[in-house]
Protein backbone atom coordinates (compact mmCIF):
# COMPACT_ATOMS: atom_id res chain seq x y z
CA MET A 1 102.38 133.94 68.05
CA SER A 2 100.63 136.17 70.36
CA ILE A 3 101.73 137.45 73.96
CA ALA A 4 99.15 135.44 75.90
CA LEU A 5 100.04 132.32 74.00
CA ILE A 6 103.66 132.66 74.80
CA ASN A 7 102.82 133.52 78.53
CA SER A 8 100.52 129.81 78.55
CA ILE A 9 103.59 128.20 77.18
CA ALA A 10 105.91 129.55 79.54
CA THR A 11 103.64 128.58 82.40
CA LEU A 12 103.13 125.10 81.43
CA HIS A 13 106.99 124.64 80.96
CA LYS A 14 107.40 125.96 84.44
CA ILE A 15 104.75 123.43 85.66
CA PHE A 16 106.22 120.49 83.93
CA CYS A 17 109.93 121.38 84.86
CA VAL A 18 108.65 121.56 88.51
CA ASN A 19 106.84 118.25 88.59
CA ARG A 20 109.86 116.41 86.73
CA ARG A 21 112.11 117.59 89.78
CA GLN A 22 109.64 116.51 92.21
CA LEU A 23 109.18 112.96 90.58
CA SER A 24 113.08 113.23 90.02
CA LYS A 25 113.33 113.56 94.05
CA THR A 26 110.47 111.16 94.90
CA ALA A 27 111.98 108.55 92.69
CA THR A 28 115.62 108.98 94.39
CA THR A 29 114.11 109.21 97.88
CA LEU A 30 112.37 105.59 96.82
CA ARG A 31 115.66 104.39 95.30
CA LYS A 32 117.55 105.08 98.80
CA LYS A 33 114.79 103.81 100.89
CA ARG A 34 114.69 100.50 98.71
CA ILE A 35 118.76 100.53 99.23
CA LYS A 36 118.19 100.85 102.80
CA GLN A 37 115.64 98.15 103.37
CA SER A 38 117.46 95.79 101.15
CA PHE A 39 120.70 95.28 103.27
CA HIS A 40 120.77 92.60 105.66
CA THR A 41 123.43 92.16 108.38
CA PRO A 42 126.76 90.85 106.68
CA VAL A 43 128.67 88.30 108.49
CA LEU A 44 132.12 89.14 109.97
CA LEU A 45 131.98 92.67 108.59
CA ASP A 46 134.24 94.61 110.62
CA GLU A 47 136.97 91.25 110.05
CA THR A 48 136.48 91.41 106.73
CA ILE A 49 137.17 94.88 105.75
CA GLU A 50 139.90 94.92 108.24
CA GLY A 51 141.45 91.86 106.84
CA LEU A 52 141.65 93.53 103.02
CA ASN A 53 143.67 96.16 104.68
CA LEU A 54 142.77 98.72 101.92
CA GLN A 55 144.25 101.50 103.55
CA LYS A 56 147.31 100.97 102.46
CA HIS A 57 146.21 101.54 98.83
CA SER A 58 145.70 105.39 97.62
CA ASN A 59 142.82 104.31 95.11
CA PRO A 60 141.82 100.70 95.90
CA ILE A 61 139.47 98.27 93.57
CA VAL A 62 137.85 95.80 95.48
CA LEU A 63 135.84 92.90 93.68
CA ASP A 64 132.82 91.75 95.72
CA MET A 65 132.28 88.53 94.15
CA THR A 66 129.23 87.64 95.99
CA PHE A 67 127.50 91.11 96.38
CA GLY A 68 124.05 89.80 97.27
CA ALA A 69 121.86 92.73 99.36
CA GLY A 70 125.36 94.78 99.35
CA GLY A 71 126.54 94.94 103.13
CA HIS A 72 130.09 94.49 102.93
CA SER A 73 130.61 96.80 99.43
CA LYS A 74 128.59 99.78 101.11
CA GLU A 75 130.46 99.42 104.06
CA ILE A 76 133.50 99.60 102.05
CA LEU A 77 132.35 102.61 100.15
CA ILE A 78 131.32 104.29 103.38
CA ARG A 79 134.92 103.65 105.20
CA HIS A 80 137.00 104.12 102.23
CA LYS A 81 136.32 106.97 100.08
CA ASN A 82 138.58 106.51 97.09
CA CYS A 83 137.88 103.06 96.75
CA HIS A 84 135.99 101.52 93.67
CA VAL A 85 133.71 98.57 94.06
CA ILE A 86 133.19 95.75 91.64
CA ALA A 87 129.79 94.33 92.78
CA LEU A 88 129.24 90.80 91.04
CA ASP A 89 126.31 88.57 91.55
CA ARG A 90 124.82 85.56 89.58
CA ASP A 91 121.36 86.79 90.94
CA ILE A 92 119.38 89.55 88.80
CA LYS A 93 117.64 91.12 91.82
CA ALA A 94 121.29 91.52 93.78
CA HIS A 95 122.16 93.00 90.59
CA ASN A 96 119.55 95.63 90.67
CA ILE A 97 120.50 96.60 94.15
CA ALA A 98 124.06 96.84 92.73
CA LYS A 99 122.60 99.45 89.94
CA ASP A 100 120.87 101.06 92.70
CA LEU A 101 124.00 101.34 94.98
CA ALA A 102 126.01 102.60 91.65
CA GLN A 103 123.43 105.40 91.70
CA GLU A 104 124.08 106.46 95.36
CA PHE A 105 127.93 105.95 95.01
CA ARG A 106 128.44 107.71 91.77
CA LYS A 107 131.20 106.34 89.46
CA ARG A 108 132.41 104.31 92.32
CA VAL A 109 130.39 101.00 91.80
CA THR A 110 130.46 98.85 88.79
CA PRO A 111 127.62 96.13 88.89
CA LEU A 112 128.21 92.94 87.07
CA LEU A 113 125.70 90.06 86.37
CA GLY A 114 127.18 86.45 86.36
CA LYS A 115 128.84 83.98 88.30
CA PHE A 116 132.74 83.12 89.19
CA SER A 117 133.01 81.10 86.20
CA GLU A 118 131.99 84.30 84.08
CA VAL A 119 134.44 86.66 86.24
CA ASP A 120 137.00 86.66 83.33
CA HIS A 121 135.11 87.62 80.62
CA LEU A 122 133.06 90.13 82.56
CA LEU A 123 135.83 91.89 83.96
CA LYS A 124 138.04 92.13 80.87
CA SER A 125 135.03 93.40 78.96
CA HIS A 126 134.67 96.02 81.35
CA GLY A 127 138.56 97.00 81.10
CA TYR A 128 140.14 95.15 84.08
CA SER A 129 143.21 93.33 83.38
CA GLU A 130 144.84 90.58 85.18
CA SER A 131 146.63 91.96 88.25
CA SER A 132 144.44 94.93 88.86
CA LEU A 133 142.72 94.54 91.95
CA ASP A 134 143.63 95.19 95.10
CA GLY A 135 140.96 93.12 97.49
CA VAL A 136 138.11 90.33 96.92
CA ILE A 137 135.56 89.10 98.70
CA ILE A 138 134.08 85.75 98.28
CA ASP A 139 130.93 85.36 100.94
CA ALA A 140 130.29 81.45 99.76
CA GLY A 141 126.58 80.15 99.94
CA CYS A 142 123.25 81.39 99.66
CA SER A 143 122.55 85.11 100.76
CA SER A 144 120.28 85.80 103.49
CA MET A 145 117.99 87.76 100.56
CA GLN A 146 117.36 84.76 99.07
CA PHE A 147 116.48 82.44 102.12
CA ASP A 148 114.39 85.31 103.18
CA GLU A 149 111.92 85.09 99.82
CA ALA A 150 109.81 82.07 99.98
CA GLU A 151 109.56 81.84 96.16
CA ARG A 152 112.87 81.18 95.68
CA GLY A 153 112.83 77.73 97.39
CA PHE A 154 115.72 78.02 99.57
CA SER A 155 113.87 78.00 102.83
CA LEU A 156 112.86 75.44 105.02
CA SER A 157 110.60 77.54 107.34
CA LYS A 158 108.71 79.24 104.20
CA ASP A 159 106.68 77.40 101.67
CA GLY A 160 107.75 78.04 98.04
CA PRO A 161 108.14 76.37 94.88
CA LEU A 162 111.36 73.80 94.89
CA ASP A 163 113.50 75.95 92.85
CA MET A 164 116.71 76.83 94.57
CA ARG A 165 118.42 78.57 91.62
CA MET A 166 120.36 81.39 92.24
CA ASP A 167 120.56 82.54 88.91
CA GLY A 168 116.58 82.63 89.17
CA THR A 169 115.38 82.63 85.93
CA ARG A 170 118.20 84.04 84.01
CA ASN A 171 119.13 80.53 82.63
CA SER A 172 116.01 78.89 81.74
CA SER A 173 117.74 75.77 80.97
CA GLN A 174 119.11 75.32 84.50
CA VAL A 175 117.91 72.29 86.18
CA THR A 176 115.76 72.96 89.55
CA ALA A 177 115.72 71.36 92.82
CA ALA A 178 111.92 69.88 91.89
CA ASP A 179 113.88 68.66 88.73
CA VAL A 180 116.48 66.73 91.06
CA VAL A 181 113.87 65.34 93.61
CA ASN A 182 111.59 63.86 90.84
CA TYR A 183 114.04 62.69 88.28
CA LEU A 184 117.30 61.56 89.46
CA SER A 185 117.47 57.76 90.57
CA LEU A 186 117.68 56.51 94.22
CA LYS A 187 121.39 55.74 93.74
CA ASP A 188 122.01 59.59 92.63
CA LEU A 189 120.02 61.22 95.16
CA THR A 190 121.74 58.95 97.90
CA GLU A 191 125.18 60.23 96.29
CA ILE A 192 124.26 63.78 96.52
CA ILE A 193 122.53 63.78 99.76
CA GLY A 194 125.35 62.02 101.29
CA LYS A 195 128.31 64.11 99.66
CA TYR A 196 127.23 67.57 99.65
CA GLY A 197 124.90 67.51 102.65
CA GLN A 198 127.01 65.39 104.42
CA GLU A 199 123.74 63.20 105.77
CA ARG A 200 124.45 60.58 108.05
CA TYR A 201 121.38 58.88 106.29
CA PRO A 202 121.45 59.89 102.82
CA GLU A 203 120.15 56.72 101.33
CA LYS A 204 117.05 56.28 103.75
CA ILE A 205 116.06 60.13 102.95
CA ALA A 206 116.37 59.01 99.34
CA GLN A 207 114.27 56.30 99.56
CA SER A 208 111.58 58.57 101.19
CA ILE A 209 112.07 60.85 98.58
CA VAL A 210 111.69 58.32 95.75
CA GLU A 211 108.65 56.85 97.30
CA ASN A 212 106.74 60.14 97.98
CA ARG A 213 107.41 62.17 94.77
CA PRO A 214 106.81 64.15 92.59
CA PHE A 215 107.31 67.36 94.77
CA SER A 216 106.56 70.72 93.51
CA ARG A 217 106.95 72.93 96.89
CA THR A 218 109.26 72.94 99.93
CA LYS A 219 106.93 72.03 102.64
CA GLN A 220 106.07 69.16 101.12
CA LEU A 221 109.75 67.79 100.53
CA ALA A 222 110.61 68.64 104.18
CA GLU A 223 107.76 67.14 105.51
CA ALA A 224 108.26 63.89 103.62
CA ILE A 225 112.27 63.85 105.12
CA GLY A 226 110.86 64.64 108.61
CA ASN A 227 108.51 61.81 108.56
CA THR A 228 111.25 59.50 107.49
CA PHE A 229 112.71 59.59 111.18
CA SER A 230 110.88 58.50 114.57
CA ILE A 231 111.12 61.72 117.37
CA SER A 232 114.03 60.39 119.30
CA ASN A 233 117.04 62.08 121.12
CA HIS A 234 119.70 60.80 118.63
CA MET A 235 117.78 62.27 115.83
CA ILE A 236 117.85 65.65 117.49
CA ARG A 237 120.14 68.17 115.91
CA MET A 238 121.45 71.30 117.50
CA ASP A 239 123.28 73.81 115.76
CA ALA A 240 126.28 75.90 117.02
CA ILE A 241 124.31 77.86 119.26
CA GLY A 242 122.14 75.29 120.54
CA ARG A 243 118.83 75.51 118.63
CA ARG A 244 117.07 72.64 117.33
CA CYS A 245 117.70 72.03 113.61
CA HIS A 246 114.82 70.42 111.02
CA SER A 247 115.96 66.91 109.68
CA ALA A 248 115.76 68.36 106.40
CA THR A 249 118.14 70.99 106.91
CA LYS A 250 121.30 68.97 105.27
CA THR A 251 119.38 67.80 102.44
CA PHE A 252 118.07 70.96 101.25
CA MET A 253 121.90 72.38 101.64
CA ALA A 254 122.96 69.38 99.48
CA LEU A 255 120.27 70.26 96.39
CA ARG A 256 121.15 73.79 96.58
CA ILE A 257 124.78 72.90 96.33
CA PHE A 258 124.30 70.60 93.72
CA VAL A 259 121.61 72.98 91.33
CA ASN A 260 124.11 75.77 91.64
CA ASP A 261 127.33 73.93 90.92
CA GLU A 262 128.70 75.71 94.20
CA LEU A 263 131.55 74.04 95.15
CA ASN A 264 132.99 73.87 91.64
CA GLU A 265 132.06 77.69 91.30
CA LEU A 266 133.97 78.52 94.61
CA HIS A 267 137.14 76.52 93.64
CA THR A 268 136.79 78.73 90.28
CA GLY A 269 136.24 81.96 92.19
CA ILE A 270 139.53 81.53 94.27
CA GLU A 271 141.68 81.17 91.04
CA MET A 272 140.11 84.08 89.67
CA ALA A 273 140.91 86.10 92.53
CA GLU A 274 144.59 84.80 92.15
CA LYS A 275 144.54 85.66 88.45
CA PHE A 276 143.06 89.65 89.22
CA LEU A 277 144.55 90.43 92.43
CA LYS A 278 147.90 92.42 92.10
CA ASN A 279 150.92 91.54 94.13
CA ASP A 280 149.98 91.94 98.00
CA GLY A 281 146.43 92.15 97.28
CA ARG A 282 144.20 90.60 99.57
CA LEU A 283 141.50 87.82 99.48
CA ALA A 284 138.99 87.42 102.00
CA THR A 285 136.64 84.03 102.14
CA ILE A 286 133.59 83.64 104.19
CA THR A 287 132.73 80.03 104.38
CA PHE A 288 129.84 78.32 106.20
CA HIS A 289 130.21 74.39 105.86
CA SER A 290 133.14 71.91 105.99
CA LEU A 291 133.19 71.29 102.12
CA GLU A 292 133.68 74.94 101.45
CA HIS A 293 136.25 75.25 104.36
CA LYS A 294 138.06 72.45 102.69
CA ILE A 295 138.14 74.18 99.18
CA VAL A 296 139.49 77.14 100.54
CA ARG A 297 142.25 75.35 102.38
CA LYS A 298 143.38 73.41 99.31
CA VAL A 299 143.28 75.88 96.70
CA LEU A 300 145.42 78.90 99.28
CA ASN A 301 147.69 75.93 100.41
CA LYS A 302 148.49 74.63 96.85
CA ARG A 303 152.12 74.49 95.75
CA GLY A 304 153.37 75.23 92.11
CA GLY A 305 156.31 73.22 90.40
CA ASP A 306 158.70 75.36 91.93
CA GLY A 307 157.45 74.54 95.23
CA GLN A 308 156.17 78.15 95.78
CA SER A 309 152.75 78.94 96.98
CA PRO A 310 150.72 82.08 95.12
CA TRP A 311 148.92 82.81 98.49
CA HIS A 312 150.28 83.52 101.90
CA PRO A 313 147.52 82.67 104.47
CA ASP A 314 148.50 84.58 107.38
CA LYS A 315 147.42 82.66 110.63
CA GLU A 316 146.35 86.10 112.50
CA ASP A 317 143.44 86.09 109.60
CA TYR A 318 141.35 83.98 110.60
CA ALA A 319 138.15 84.99 112.20
CA LYS A 320 134.93 83.60 113.41
CA PRO A 321 131.89 85.45 115.03
CA PHE A 322 131.88 86.79 118.35
CA LEU A 323 128.92 85.50 120.89
CA SER A 324 127.62 89.03 120.33
CA GLU A 325 127.21 88.66 116.71
CA LEU A 326 125.82 85.33 116.91
CA GLU A 327 123.09 86.76 118.89
CA THR A 328 121.96 89.63 116.61
CA ASN A 329 122.47 87.65 113.45
CA PRO A 330 122.19 83.63 114.18
CA ARG A 331 122.50 82.72 110.72
CA SER A 332 126.74 83.75 110.94
CA ARG A 333 127.01 80.73 113.76
CA SER A 334 129.09 78.55 111.10
CA ALA A 335 130.64 81.51 109.26
CA PHE A 336 134.66 81.21 109.28
CA LEU A 337 137.03 84.14 107.40
CA ARG A 338 140.07 83.37 106.01
CA VAL A 339 142.37 86.37 104.72
CA ALA A 340 145.19 85.51 102.20
CA THR A 341 147.78 87.56 100.33
CA ARG A 342 148.53 87.24 96.63
CA THR A 343 152.51 86.87 96.29
CA ARG A 344 153.59 86.96 92.73
CA LYS A 345 157.21 86.07 91.73
CA THR A 346 159.35 89.24 91.04
């Protein structure tokens, strides 16, 4: 091989190495930018992290069961340098954000894709045994990221396909909101809207849905429900900070809860927290409506055959958003935080 050829190969190798470093640097920058852009304002952030009391553990392990856009998890990683976060979500997009976060905080994040009812298998398959966690977070309901994407079909204000599956397309056999409103009977729709939406006029809304179906878009459904009622004072609804609500809001919530089996999943999630938390480990739950509040209260206050509870809910560890948070993050208006300590028999 001639010296000229060797020099040419060496030059090409240097160019390749420089370009590879530049590409890697660009990819890292883009990934960090994507992570930064993906984070929404987490609800009751300080109160949740303080409630977990992680500073009493030398190397705490926290399971964020509703990772979403990662706001709570990232702040925990920043504040507690020795903490490891298990980032669980049933949404593939949230899972991808968790994988990006794992690149930013190397060896400190374990991304898991699945729902609460899959936690037992997922944790054990990744080497986590029962009674091995120091903290668990459950931020119930739909994430801001899901509401903000019209194509997910959760939002009233954005027109999109009537989907509402938190898992997205991960489970092709899961029913969509369109399946529910287009194929269920008047009786079934009335029950769903009344039970899960706590709607005052479930049959009237269900009747309108049956008369106007089929539906394929969120705006179609919202308009059909809105047209059910005349504009009168008794039908104008206000939220916790005095804003007017759409008459379809509760129906949309009911469909979302039904499609994703949210209440059963929440119950299972708390049971998994009970199973995997250490003695003196803490569970922080953030709920947004009375059905979720009721489930959390019931499970945390349950008693075993010996009359003892596996939880110690501290009355001081209840919190609602301050007015300052409501002004900057209106979606927190109905949030309610409960913190409970896991207690095991010695």
